[in-house]
């Protein structure tokens, strides 16, 4: 199950999103990007819905917004 981990870089808060507890790379972003993500969360969900079907054909399953992301 994916997880979020908070950290800090140069005194600024970061949020890292990881596939599971063993993922060491994931991706991290700060407060400004988090605010932009929240502002456009519906656009992001629509993007996943639209392109998830193509992804499903390639890998054999569609991403589940609630559990895979």
PDB file of N, CA and C in Angstrom:
ATOM      1  N   UNK A   1       0.841  -1.169   0.000  1.00  0.00           N
ATOM      2  CA  UNK A   1       0.000   0.000   0.000  1.00  0.00           C
ATOM      3  C   UNK A   1       0.893   1.241   0.000  1.00  0.00           C
ATOM      4  N   UNK A   2       0.511   2.250  -0.763  1.00  0.00           N
ATOM      5  CA  UNK A   2       1.311   3.461  -0.835  1.00  0.00           C
ATOM      6  C   UNK A   2       1.277   4.209   0.495  1.00  0.00           C
ATOM      7  N   UNK A   3       2.312   5.028   0.686  1.00  0.00           N
ATOM      8  CA  UNK A   3       2.366   5.787   1.919  1.00  0.00           C
ATOM      9  C   UNK A   3       2.987   7.158   1.689  1.00  0.00           C
ATOM     10  N   UNK A   4       2.673   8.071   2.578  1.00  0.00           N
ATOM     11  CA  UNK A   4       3.234   9.416   2.554  1.00  0.00           C
ATOM     12  C   UNK A   4       4.165   9.574   3.744  1.00  0.00           C
ATOM     13  N   UNK A   5       5.303  10.253   3.499  1.00  0.00           N
ATOM     14  CA  UNK A   5       6.267  10.505   4.570  1.00  0.00           C
ATOM     15  C   UNK A   5       6.687  11.970   4.522  1.00  0.00           C
ATOM     16  N   UNK A   6       6.655  12.601   5.667  1.00  0.00           N
ATOM     17  CA  UNK A   6       7.118  13.985   5.752  1.00  0.00           C
ATOM     18  C   UNK A   6       8.612  14.007   6.032  1.00  0.00           C
ATOM     19  N   UNK A   7       9.281  15.003   5.438  1.00  0.00           N
ATOM     20  CA  UNK A   7      10.693  15.222   5.708  1.00  0.00           C
ATOM     21  C   UNK A   7      10.949  16.723   5.581  1.00  0.00           C
ATOM     22  N   UNK A   8      12.221  17.078   5.555  1.00  0.00           N
ATOM     23  CA  UNK A   8      12.588  18.488   5.503  1.00  0.00           C
ATOM     24  C   UNK A   8      13.826  18.642   4.640  1.00  0.00           C
ATOM     25  N   UNK A   9      13.907  19.751   3.907  1.00  0.00           N
ATOM     26  CA  UNK A   9      15.086  20.063   3.110  1.00  0.00           C
ATOM     27  C   UNK A   9      15.364  21.549   3.264  1.00  0.00           C
ATOM     28  N   UNK A  10      16.556  21.890   3.693  1.00  0.00           N
ATOM     29  CA  UNK A  10      16.930  23.288   3.930  1.00  0.00           C
ATOM     30  C   UNK A  10      15.904  24.019   4.788  1.00  0.00           C
ATOM     31  N   UNK A  11      15.387  23.342   5.791  1.00  0.00           N
ATOM     32  CA  UNK A  11      14.444  23.948   6.715  1.00  0.00           C
ATOM     33  C   UNK A  11      13.016  24.059   6.218  1.00  0.00           C
ATOM     34  N   UNK A  12      12.741  23.513   5.037  1.00  0.00           N
ATOM     35  CA  UNK A  12      11.394  23.582   4.469  1.00  0.00           C
ATOM     36  C   UNK A  12      10.759  22.194   4.469  1.00  0.00           C
ATOM     37  N   UNK A  13       9.460  22.121   4.754  1.00  0.00           N
ATOM     38  CA  UNK A  13       8.791  20.819   4.808  1.00  0.00           C
ATOM     39  C   UNK A  13       8.598  20.213   3.416  1.00  0.00           C
ATOM     40  N   UNK A  14       8.746  18.906   3.352  1.00  0.00           N
ATOM     41  CA  UNK A  14       8.503  18.152   2.125  1.00  0.00           C
ATOM     42  C   UNK A  14       7.543  17.007   2.431  1.00  0.00           C
ATOM     43  N   UNK A  15       6.802  16.624   1.425  1.00  0.00           N
ATOM     44  CA  UNK A  15       5.968  15.431   1.513  1.00  0.00           C
ATOM     45  C   UNK A  15       6.441  14.479   0.429  1.00  0.00           C
ATOM     46  N   UNK A  16       6.747  13.261   0.825  1.00  0.00           N
ATOM     47  CA  UNK A  16       7.162  12.236  -0.121  1.00  0.00           C
ATOM     48  C   UNK A  16       6.069  11.201  -0.268  1.00  0.00           C
ATOM     49  N   UNK A  17       5.805  10.792  -1.484  1.00  0.00           N
ATOM     50  CA  UNK A  17       4.805   9.757  -1.761  1.00  0.00           C
ATOM     51  C   UNK A  17       5.527   8.536  -2.308  1.00  0.00           C
ATOM     52  N   UNK A  18       5.253   7.387  -1.702  1.00  0.00           N
ATOM     53  CA  UNK A  18       5.982   6.161  -2.001  1.00  0.00           C
ATOM     54  C   UNK A  18       5.012   5.028  -2.300  1.00  0.00           C
ATOM     55  N   UNK A  19       5.434   4.091  -3.150  1.00  0.00           N
ATOM     56  CA  UNK A  19       4.590   2.943  -3.504  1.00  0.00           C
ATOM     57  C   UNK A  19       4.289   2.063  -2.295  1.00  0.00           C
ATOM     58  N   UNK A  20       5.300   1.852  -1.449  1.00  0.00           N
ATOM     59  CA  UNK A  20       5.154   1.019  -0.264  1.00  0.00           C
ATOM     60  C   UNK A  20       6.269   1.356   0.711  1.00  0.00           C
ATOM     61  N   UNK A  21       6.332   0.656   1.842  1.00  0.00           N
ATOM     62  CA  UNK A  21       7.323   0.962   2.873  1.00  0.00           C
ATOM     63  C   UNK A  21       8.757   0.694   2.416  1.00  0.00           C
ATOM     64  N   UNK A  22       8.941  -0.120   1.386  1.00  0.00           N
ATOM     65  CA  UNK A  22      10.277  -0.438   0.898  1.00  0.00           C
ATOM     66  C   UNK A  22      10.768   0.511  -0.190  1.00  0.00           C
ATOM     67  N   UNK A  23       9.884   1.353  -0.710  1.00  0.00           N
ATOM     68  CA  UNK A  23      10.241   2.297  -1.773  1.00  0.00           C
ATOM     69  C   UNK A  23      11.161   3.368  -1.198  1.00  0.00           C
ATOM     70  N   UNK A  24      12.350   3.507  -1.761  1.00  0.00           N
ATOM     71  CA  UNK A  24      13.289   4.514  -1.270  1.00  0.00           C
ATOM     72  C   UNK A  24      13.316   5.759  -2.153  1.00  0.00           C
ATOM     73  N   UNK A  25      12.712   5.704  -3.328  1.00  0.00           N
ATOM     74  CA  UNK A  25      12.766   6.834  -4.238  1.00  0.00           C
ATOM     75  C   UNK A  25      11.491   7.681  -4.166  1.00  0.00           C
ATOM     76  N   UNK A  26      10.352   7.114  -4.492  1.00  0.00           N
ATOM     77  CA  UNK A  26       9.110   7.869  -4.473  1.00  0.00           C
ATOM     78  C   UNK A  26       9.259   9.193  -5.193  1.00  0.00           C
ATOM     79  N   UNK A  27       8.474  10.183  -4.790  1.00  0.00           N
ATOM     80  CA  UNK A  27       8.724  11.541  -5.238  1.00  0.00           C
ATOM     81  C   UNK A  27       8.292  12.506  -4.148  1.00  0.00           C
ATOM     82  N   UNK A  28       9.020  13.618  -4.075  1.00  0.00           N
ATOM     83  CA  UNK A  28       8.807  14.592  -3.000  1.00  0.00           C
ATOM     84  C   UNK A  28       8.445  15.947  -3.590  1.00  0.00           C
ATOM     85  N   UNK A  29       7.668  16.693  -2.805  1.00  0.00           N
ATOM     86  CA  UNK A  29       7.323  18.059  -3.194  1.00  0.00           C
ATOM     87  C   UNK A  29       7.077  18.874  -1.944  1.00  0.00           C
ATOM     88  N   UNK A  30       7.185  20.187  -2.101  1.00  0.00           N
ATOM     89  CA  UNK A  30       7.018  21.094  -0.982  1.00  0.00           C
ATOM     90  C   UNK A  30       5.618  21.676  -0.917  1.00  0.00           C
ATOM     91  N   UNK A  31       5.481  22.657  -0.051  1.00  0.00           N
ATOM     92  CA  UNK A  31       4.190  23.254   0.239  1.00  0.00           C
ATOM     93  C   UNK A  31       3.565  23.927  -0.978  1.00  0.00           C
ATOM     94  N   UNK A  32       4.341  24.678  -1.752  1.00  0.00           N
ATOM     95  CA  UNK A  32       3.773  25.371  -2.917  1.00  0.00           C
ATOM     96  C   UNK A  32       3.209  24.383  -3.937  1.00  0.00           C
ATOM     97  N   UNK A  33       3.928  23.316  -4.210  1.00  0.00           N
ATOM     98  CA  UNK A  33       3.408  22.326  -5.163  1.00  0.00           C
ATOM     99  C   UNK A  33       2.220  21.580  -4.566  1.00  0.00           C
ATOM    100  N   UNK A  34       2.265  21.316  -3.265  1.00  0.00           N
ATOM    101  CA  UNK A  34       1.120  20.657  -2.613  1.00  0.00           C
ATOM    102  C   UNK A  34      -0.134  21.517  -2.747  1.00  0.00           C
ATOM    103  N   UNK A  35       0.006  22.819  -2.581  1.00  0.00           N
ATOM    104  CA  UNK A  35      -1.136  23.724  -2.737  1.00  0.00           C
ATOM    105  C   UNK A  35      -1.666  23.698  -4.166  1.00  0.00           C
ATOM    106  N   UNK A  36      -0.760  23.664  -5.147  1.00  0.00           N
ATOM    107  CA  UNK A  36      -1.190  23.586  -6.551  1.00  0.00           C
ATOM    108  C   UNK A  36      -1.890  22.274  -6.848  1.00  0.00           C
ATOM    109  N   UNK A  37      -1.364  21.185  -6.274  1.00  0.00           N
ATOM    110  CA  UNK A  37      -1.990  19.876  -6.461  1.00  0.00           C
ATOM    111  C   UNK A  37      -3.414  19.904  -5.914  1.00  0.00           C
ATOM    112  N   UNK A  38      -3.583  20.438  -4.708  1.00  0.00           N
ATOM    113  CA  UNK A  38      -4.922  20.503  -4.120  1.00  0.00           C
ATOM    114  C   UNK A  38      -5.870  21.362  -4.956  1.00  0.00           C
ATOM    115  N   UNK A  39      -5.357  22.448  -5.495  1.00  0.00           N
ATOM    116  CA  UNK A  39      -6.181  23.325  -6.330  1.00  0.00           C
ATOM    117  C   UNK A  39      -6.667  22.594  -7.580  1.00  0.00           C
ATOM    118  N   UNK A  40      -5.864  21.661  -8.077  1.00  0.00           N
ATOM    119  CA  UNK A  40      -6.173  20.974  -9.331  1.00  0.00           C
ATOM    120  C   UNK A  40      -6.450  19.483  -9.142  1.00  0.00           C
ATOM    121  N   UNK A  41      -6.866  19.098  -7.944  1.00  0.00           N
ATOM    122  CA  UNK A  41      -7.071  17.670  -7.660  1.00  0.00           C
ATOM    123  C   UNK A  41      -8.105  17.050  -8.593  1.00  0.00           C
ATOM    124  N   UNK A  42      -9.155  17.792  -8.945  1.00  0.00           N
ATOM    125  CA  UNK A  42     -10.158  17.244  -9.858  1.00  0.00           C
ATOM    126  C   UNK A  42      -9.580  17.021 -11.250  1.00  0.00           C
ATOM    127  N   UNK A  43      -8.702  17.914 -11.690  1.00  0.00           N
ATOM    128  CA  UNK A  43      -8.031  17.737 -12.983  1.00  0.00           C
ATOM    129  C   UNK A  43      -7.131  16.504 -12.962  1.00  0.00           C
ATOM    130  N   UNK A  44      -6.452  16.293 -11.848  1.00  0.00           N
ATOM    131  CA  UNK A  44      -5.571  15.131 -11.721  1.00  0.00           C
ATOM    132  C   UNK A  44      -6.386  13.842 -11.749  1.00  0.00           C
ATOM    133  N   UNK A  45      -7.500  13.824 -11.035  1.00  0.00           N
ATOM    134  CA  UNK A  45      -8.360  12.640 -11.038  1.00  0.00           C
ATOM    135  C   UNK A  45      -8.897  12.359 -12.434  1.00  0.00           C
ATOM    136  N   UNK A  46      -9.308  13.408 -13.156  1.00  0.00           N
ATOM    137  CA  UNK A  46      -9.810  13.237 -14.521  1.00  0.00           C
ATOM    138  C   UNK A  46      -8.706  12.698 -15.439  1.00  0.00           C
ATOM    139  N   UNK A  47      -7.493  13.179 -15.249  1.00  0.00           N
ATOM    140  CA  UNK A  47      -6.345  12.712 -16.028  1.00  0.00           C
ATOM    141  C   UNK A  47      -6.118  11.222 -15.813  1.00  0.00           C
ATOM    142  N   UNK A  48      -6.169  10.791 -14.553  1.00  0.00           N
ATOM    143  CA  UNK A  48      -5.972   9.367 -14.243  1.00  0.00           C
ATOM    144  C   UNK A  48      -7.092   8.538 -14.848  1.00  0.00           C
ATOM    145  N   UNK A  49      -8.323   9.017 -14.726  1.00  0.00           N
ATOM    146  CA  UNK A  49      -9.459   8.289 -15.304  1.00  0.00           C
ATOM    147  C   UNK A  49      -9.304   8.171 -16.819  1.00  0.00           C
ATOM    148  N   UNK A  50      -8.920   9.263 -17.469  1.00  0.00           N
ATOM    149  CA  UNK A  50      -8.794   9.275 -18.931  1.00  0.00           C
ATOM    150  C   UNK A  50      -7.660   8.368 -19.415  1.00  0.00           C
ATOM    151  N   UNK A  51      -6.511   8.495 -18.804  1.00  0.00           N
ATOM    152  CA  UNK A  51      -5.339   7.775 -19.299  1.00  0.00           C
ATOM    153  C   UNK A  51      -5.129   6.439 -18.601  1.00  0.00           C
ATOM    154  N   UNK A  52      -5.830   6.202 -17.513  1.00  0.00           N
ATOM    155  CA  UNK A  52      -5.711   4.937 -16.804  1.00  0.00           C
ATOM    156  C   UNK A  52      -6.168   3.760 -17.632  1.00  0.00           C
ATOM    157  N   UNK A  53      -7.133   4.004 -18.511  1.00  0.00           N
ATOM    158  CA  UNK A  53      -7.621   2.926 -19.387  1.00  0.00           C
ATOM    159  C   UNK A  53      -6.514   2.454 -20.323  1.00  0.00           C
ATOM    160  N   UNK A  54      -5.759   3.403 -20.875  1.00  0.00           N
ATOM    161  CA  UNK A  54      -4.637   3.042 -21.749  1.00  0.00           C
ATOM    162  C   UNK A  54      -3.574   2.292 -20.952  1.00  0.00           C
ATOM    163  N   UNK A  55      -3.337   2.767 -19.743  1.00  0.00           N
ATOM    164  CA  UNK A  55      -2.359   2.125 -18.867  1.00  0.00           C
ATOM    165  C   UNK A  55      -2.800   0.703 -18.534  1.00  0.00           C
ATOM    166  N   UNK A  56      -4.086   0.527 -18.296  1.00  0.00           N
ATOM    167  CA  UNK A  56      -4.619  -0.792 -17.945  1.00  0.00           C
ATOM    168  C   UNK A  56      -4.346  -1.801 -19.054  1.00  0.00           C
ATOM    169  N   UNK A  57      -4.519  -1.354 -20.286  1.00  0.00           N
ATOM    170  CA  UNK A  57      -4.263  -2.249 -21.420  1.00  0.00           C
ATOM    171  C   UNK A  57      -2.788  -2.642 -21.475  1.00  0.00           C
ATOM    172  N   UNK A  58      -1.923  -1.720 -21.118  1.00  0.00           N
ATOM    173  CA  UNK A  58      -0.488  -1.984 -21.195  1.00  0.00           C
ATOM    174  C   UNK A  58      -0.004  -2.886 -20.068  1.00  0.00           C
ATOM    175  N   UNK A  59      -0.538  -2.708 -18.862  1.00  0.00           N
ATOM    176  CA  UNK A  59      -0.020  -3.462 -17.716  1.00  0.00           C
ATOM    177  C   UNK A  59      -0.990  -4.499 -17.170  1.00  0.00           C
ATOM    178  N   UNK A  60      -2.212  -4.498 -17.650  1.00  0.00           N
ATOM    179  CA  UNK A  60      -3.150  -5.525 -17.237  1.00  0.00           C
ATOM    180  C   UNK A  60      -4.137  -5.135 -16.161  1.00  0.00           C
ATOM    181  N   UNK A  61      -4.028  -3.905 -15.629  1.00  0.00           N
ATOM    182  CA  UNK A  61      -5.029  -3.436 -14.669  1.00  0.00           C
ATOM    183  C   UNK A  61      -5.033  -1.911 -14.612  1.00  0.00           C
ATOM    184  N   UNK A  62      -6.172  -1.359 -14.279  1.00  0.00           N
ATOM    185  CA  UNK A  62      -6.287   0.097 -14.154  1.00  0.00           C
ATOM    186  C   UNK A  62      -5.895   0.523 -12.736  1.00  0.00           C
ATOM    187  N   UNK A  63      -5.294   1.702 -12.609  1.00  0.00           N
ATOM    188  CA  UNK A  63      -4.981   2.158 -11.255  1.00  0.00           C
ATOM    189  C   UNK A  63      -6.246   2.474 -10.485  1.00  0.00           C
ATOM    190  N   UNK A  64      -6.254   2.125  -9.228  1.00  0.00           N
ATOM    191  CA  UNK A  64      -7.356   2.458  -8.343  1.00  0.00           C
ATOM    192  C   UNK A  64      -6.947   3.694  -7.573  1.00  0.00           C
ATOM    193  N   UNK A  65      -7.657   4.795  -7.764  1.00  0.00           N
ATOM    194  CA  UNK A  65      -7.285   6.064  -7.158  1.00  0.00           C
ATOM    195  C   UNK A  65      -7.169   5.948  -5.645  1.00  0.00           C
ATOM    196  N   UNK A  66      -8.010   5.139  -5.030  1.00  0.00           N
ATOM    197  CA  UNK A  66      -8.004   5.037  -3.573  1.00  0.00           C
ATOM    198  C   UNK A  66      -6.899   4.161  -3.012  1.00  0.00           C
ATOM    199  N   UNK A  67      -6.403   3.192  -3.792  1.00  0.00           N
ATOM    200  CA  UNK A  67      -5.411   2.271  -3.231  1.00  0.00           C
ATOM    201  C   UNK A  67      -4.077   2.292  -3.949  1.00  0.00           C
ATOM    202  N   UNK A  68      -4.050   2.523  -5.252  1.00  0.00           N
ATOM    203  CA  UNK A  68      -2.793   2.443  -5.994  1.00  0.00           C
ATOM    204  C   UNK A  68      -2.019   3.754  -6.026  1.00  0.00           C
ATOM    205  N   UNK A  69      -2.702   4.839  -5.813  1.00  0.00           N
ATOM    206  CA  UNK A  69      -2.036   6.130  -5.966  1.00  0.00           C
ATOM    207  C   UNK A  69      -1.728   6.772  -4.644  1.00  0.00           C
TER     208      UNK A  69
END
